[in-house]
Amino acid sequence: MDFSLVQRVYLFFVEAALVTAQLSALAFLLGLLVAALVAAARMSDVAALRFAGAAYVSVFRGTPCLIQLFILYFGGPQIGINLEPFAAGVIGLGLNIAAYMAEGMRGAILSVDRGQTEASRSIGFGRWQTMQRVVLPQAARLMIRPLGVNTVALVKGTALVSTISVIELTYTAQRFIGSTYRPFEIFGIAALLYMVMVYGVARMVDVLDRRYAID
């Protein structure tokens, strides 16, 4: 282990880790928004919306995220969509993780006892009131763990955007490999920083899960 090399390059990796964290946060927010819309479509009374939601989930879960990024970044200009690498990474990762989040949301909503929905409707609540006041408060607690798992996968999945030249952890590691020829130290630093970020997300999920746990 060449510790002098670690001392020389670690600041570059910390800066790259901040880009990875920013990329993860923005992709998570986009994914959460899209997932809510897809989950609502999947549970809609309108057949066309149900079909559209199911198609979205099938396409984005059934194809590799890397291929989706390539289509968005390299294929986009063919249809007039020109994105910077960072923006393409956020959108690509967000749309991909949304398909997984949507199924987690739908599962949490469906797991709420149907009798509570029927009881709320019997006392005069409309469908939206029932969802807002009865179903979602309980389902939100059940969503914490699945969304946490998806977020961990998202953080690790940011490594894929190095293929479209986003200067994050993996891309930075690849650049230093070419000049130092010390893959063990370089990838070791990158792996350690990924572990720190994933551990932070996992701890946050554990705290929320314990705080809002349902007996």
Protein backbone atom coordinates (compact mmCIF):
# COMPACT_ATOMS: atom_id res chain seq x y z
CA MET A 1 0.00 0.00 0.00
CA ASP A 2 1.48 3.30 -1.13
CA PHE A 3 0.19 5.69 1.52
CA SER A 4 2.01 8.63 -0.03
CA LEU A 5 -0.13 8.18 -3.15
CA VAL A 6 -3.27 8.17 -1.02
CA GLN A 7 -2.21 11.45 0.58
CA ARG A 8 -1.60 13.03 -2.83
CA VAL A 9 -4.91 12.14 -4.42
CA TYR A 10 -7.49 11.87 -1.65
CA LEU A 11 -8.68 15.49 -2.03
CA PHE A 12 -9.56 14.82 -5.66
CA PHE A 13 -11.60 11.83 -4.55
CA VAL A 14 -13.41 13.77 -1.85
CA GLU A 15 -14.42 16.34 -4.47
CA ALA A 16 -15.60 13.53 -6.77
CA ALA A 17 -17.54 11.99 -3.88
CA LEU A 18 -19.43 15.26 -3.44
CA VAL A 19 -20.42 15.08 -7.11
CA THR A 20 -21.59 11.49 -6.57
CA ALA A 21 -23.63 12.56 -3.55
CA GLN A 22 -25.20 15.45 -5.47
CA LEU A 23 -25.96 13.15 -8.40
CA SER A 24 -27.58 10.61 -6.06
CA ALA A 25 -29.69 13.23 -4.27
CA LEU A 26 -31.04 14.80 -7.47
CA ALA A 27 -31.73 11.42 -9.07
CA PHE A 28 -33.52 10.31 -5.89
CA LEU A 29 -35.80 13.37 -5.90
CA LEU A 30 -36.60 12.91 -9.59
CA GLY A 31 -37.18 9.20 -9.06
CA LEU A 32 -39.48 9.85 -6.11
CA LEU A 33 -41.63 12.25 -8.12
CA VAL A 34 -41.87 9.97 -11.16
CA ALA A 35 -42.48 6.92 -8.94
CA ALA A 36 -45.44 8.60 -7.26
CA LEU A 37 -46.99 9.33 -10.67
CA VAL A 38 -46.32 5.80 -11.94
CA ALA A 39 -47.72 4.20 -8.77
CA ALA A 40 -50.85 6.36 -9.07
CA ALA A 41 -51.21 5.34 -12.71
CA ARG A 42 -50.78 1.67 -11.81
CA MET A 43 -53.67 1.93 -9.33
CA SER A 44 -55.92 4.10 -11.46
CA ASP A 45 -59.43 3.13 -12.53
CA VAL A 46 -58.51 4.21 -16.07
CA ALA A 47 -57.27 1.25 -18.09
CA ALA A 48 -55.01 3.37 -20.29
CA LEU A 49 -53.20 4.78 -17.25
CA ARG A 50 -52.78 1.33 -15.74
CA PHE A 51 -51.31 0.08 -19.01
CA ALA A 52 -48.96 3.08 -19.25
CA GLY A 53 -47.74 2.57 -15.67
CA ALA A 54 -47.19 -1.14 -16.21
CA ALA A 55 -45.35 -0.48 -19.47
CA TYR A 56 -43.07 2.04 -17.78
CA VAL A 57 -42.15 -0.41 -15.03
CA SER A 58 -41.59 -3.25 -17.50
CA VAL A 59 -39.34 -1.19 -19.78
CA PHE A 60 -37.16 0.38 -17.10
CA ARG A 61 -36.85 -2.73 -14.95
CA GLY A 62 -36.42 -5.03 -17.94
CA THR A 63 -33.51 -3.25 -19.60
CA PRO A 64 -30.03 -2.43 -18.21
CA CYS A 65 -29.62 1.02 -16.73
CA LEU A 66 -26.39 1.42 -18.71
CA ILE A 67 -28.27 0.97 -21.99
CA GLN A 68 -30.85 3.52 -20.87
CA LEU A 69 -28.08 6.03 -20.15
CA PHE A 70 -26.53 5.42 -23.57
CA ILE A 71 -29.87 5.89 -25.34
CA LEU A 72 -30.51 9.12 -23.44
CA TYR A 73 -27.02 10.63 -23.82
CA PHE A 74 -25.81 9.30 -27.18
CA GLY A 75 -29.19 8.74 -28.86
CA GLY A 76 -30.85 11.90 -27.59
CA PRO A 77 -29.16 14.24 -30.10
CA GLN A 78 -30.76 12.27 -32.95
CA ILE A 79 -34.16 13.49 -31.82
CA GLY A 80 -33.05 16.95 -30.73
CA ILE A 81 -32.35 16.21 -27.05
CA ASN A 82 -28.86 17.46 -26.16
CA LEU A 83 -27.96 16.97 -22.51
CA GLU A 84 -24.83 17.66 -20.54
CA PRO A 85 -23.30 14.49 -19.01
CA PHE A 86 -24.37 15.40 -15.45
CA ALA A 87 -27.96 16.18 -16.48
CA ALA A 88 -28.17 12.98 -18.50
CA GLY A 89 -26.89 11.04 -15.50
CA VAL A 90 -29.48 12.55 -13.16
CA ILE A 91 -32.35 11.95 -15.57
CA GLY A 92 -31.23 8.47 -16.57
CA LEU A 93 -30.69 7.25 -13.01
CA GLY A 94 -33.85 8.96 -11.77
CA LEU A 95 -36.08 7.41 -14.43
CA ASN A 96 -34.55 3.99 -13.82
CA ILE A 97 -34.87 3.98 -10.04
CA ALA A 98 -38.42 5.35 -10.31
CA ALA A 99 -39.61 2.03 -11.73
CA TYR A 100 -38.40 0.21 -8.60
CA MET A 101 -39.66 2.88 -6.22
CA ALA A 102 -43.10 2.84 -7.86
CA GLU A 103 -43.53 -0.86 -7.15
CA GLY A 104 -42.44 -0.34 -3.56
CA MET A 105 -44.99 2.45 -3.15
CA ARG A 106 -47.75 0.42 -4.74
CA GLY A 107 -46.98 -2.56 -2.54
CA ALA A 108 -47.06 -0.41 0.60
CA ILE A 109 -50.42 1.13 -0.35
CA LEU A 110 -51.95 -2.26 -1.16
CA SER A 111 -50.73 -3.69 2.14
CA VAL A 112 -52.93 -1.29 4.15
CA ASP A 113 -55.95 -3.20 5.40
CA ARG A 114 -58.78 -2.82 2.92
CA GLY A 115 -61.26 -2.70 5.80
CA GLN A 116 -59.94 0.71 6.79
CA THR A 117 -60.64 2.05 3.33
CA GLU A 118 -64.16 0.69 3.43
CA ALA A 119 -64.72 2.13 6.91
CA SER A 120 -63.55 5.58 5.88
CA ARG A 121 -65.78 5.54 2.81
CA SER A 122 -68.74 4.49 4.96
CA ILE A 123 -68.41 7.62 7.12
CA GLY A 124 -68.48 9.88 4.11
CA PHE A 125 -64.84 10.24 3.05
CA GLY A 126 -64.30 10.52 -0.69
CA ARG A 127 -61.61 8.55 -2.46
CA TRP A 128 -59.02 11.32 -2.21
CA GLN A 129 -59.79 11.99 1.46
CA THR A 130 -59.48 8.29 2.20
CA MET A 131 -56.14 8.10 0.46
CA GLN A 132 -54.84 11.29 2.06
CA ARG A 133 -56.02 10.77 5.64
CA VAL A 134 -56.16 7.01 6.07
CA VAL A 135 -54.10 5.07 3.54
CA LEU A 136 -51.04 7.22 2.79
CA PRO A 137 -50.06 7.97 6.44
CA GLN A 138 -49.84 4.22 7.08
CA ALA A 139 -48.34 3.33 3.70
CA ALA A 140 -45.63 5.99 4.08
CA ARG A 141 -44.21 4.11 7.05
CA LEU A 142 -44.14 0.89 5.09
CA MET A 143 -42.32 2.63 2.22
CA ILE A 144 -39.29 3.61 4.31
CA ARG A 145 -37.38 0.35 4.06
CA PRO A 146 -38.01 -0.31 0.32
CA LEU A 147 -37.11 3.28 -0.57
CA GLY A 148 -33.97 2.97 1.54
CA VAL A 149 -32.92 -0.17 -0.34
CA ASN A 150 -33.54 1.61 -3.64
CA THR A 151 -31.47 4.60 -2.50
CA VAL A 152 -28.52 2.37 -1.61
CA ALA A 153 -28.75 0.79 -5.06
CA LEU A 154 -28.92 4.27 -6.59
CA VAL A 155 -25.75 5.46 -4.84
CA LYS A 156 -23.81 2.44 -6.08
CA GLY A 157 -25.41 2.75 -9.51
CA THR A 158 -23.95 6.22 -9.98
CA ALA A 159 -20.74 4.46 -11.04
CA LEU A 160 -22.43 3.83 -14.38
CA VAL A 161 -22.42 7.50 -15.32
CA SER A 162 -18.63 7.38 -15.59
CA THR A 163 -19.29 5.86 -19.03
CA ILE A 164 -20.78 9.15 -20.21
CA SER A 165 -17.92 11.23 -18.76
CA VAL A 166 -19.50 12.48 -15.55
CA ILE A 167 -16.55 13.27 -13.27
CA GLU A 168 -17.64 11.31 -10.20
CA LEU A 169 -15.86 8.70 -8.08
CA THR A 170 -15.47 5.91 -10.62
CA TYR A 171 -14.47 8.26 -13.44
CA THR A 172 -11.90 9.91 -11.19
CA ALA A 173 -10.48 6.52 -10.22
CA GLN A 174 -10.15 5.51 -13.85
CA ARG A 175 -8.29 8.73 -14.65
CA PHE A 176 -5.76 8.19 -11.86
CA ILE A 177 -5.22 4.56 -12.80
CA GLY A 178 -3.89 5.70 -16.15
CA SER A 179 -1.27 7.97 -14.57
CA THR A 180 -0.28 6.03 -11.43
CA TYR A 181 -0.68 2.36 -12.41
CA ARG A 182 -1.72 1.64 -8.82
CA PRO A 183 -5.22 0.15 -9.12
CA PHE A 184 -5.31 -1.31 -5.60
CA GLU A 185 -4.84 2.02 -3.85
CA ILE A 186 -6.95 4.03 -6.30
CA PHE A 187 -9.95 1.74 -6.39
CA GLY A 188 -9.56 1.15 -2.66
CA ILE A 189 -10.09 4.87 -2.00
CA ALA A 190 -13.13 4.93 -4.29
CA ALA A 191 -14.60 1.83 -2.63
CA LEU A 192 -14.10 3.31 0.84
CA LEU A 193 -15.92 6.51 -0.10
CA TYR A 194 -18.80 4.55 -1.63
CA MET A 195 -19.03 2.54 1.59
CA VAL A 196 -19.17 5.73 3.67
CA MET A 197 -22.05 7.11 1.60
CA VAL A 198 -23.96 3.83 1.59
CA TYR A 199 -23.47 3.46 5.35
CA GLY A 200 -24.83 6.97 5.88
CA VAL A 201 -27.95 6.17 3.86
CA ALA A 202 -28.43 2.84 5.64
CA ARG A 203 -28.13 4.44 9.08
CA MET A 204 -30.64 7.14 8.13
CA VAL A 205 -33.10 4.48 6.97
CA ASP A 206 -32.63 2.52 10.21
CA VAL A 207 -33.36 5.62 12.29
CA LEU A 208 -36.51 6.45 10.30
CA ASP A 209 -37.64 2.85 10.31
CA ARG A 210 -37.37 2.58 14.09
CA ARG A 211 -38.99 5.95 14.68
CA TYR A 212 -42.02 5.29 12.49
CA ALA A 213 -42.24 1.53 12.89
CA ILE A 214 -45.71 -0.05 13.01
CA ASP A 215 -46.26 -2.75 15.63
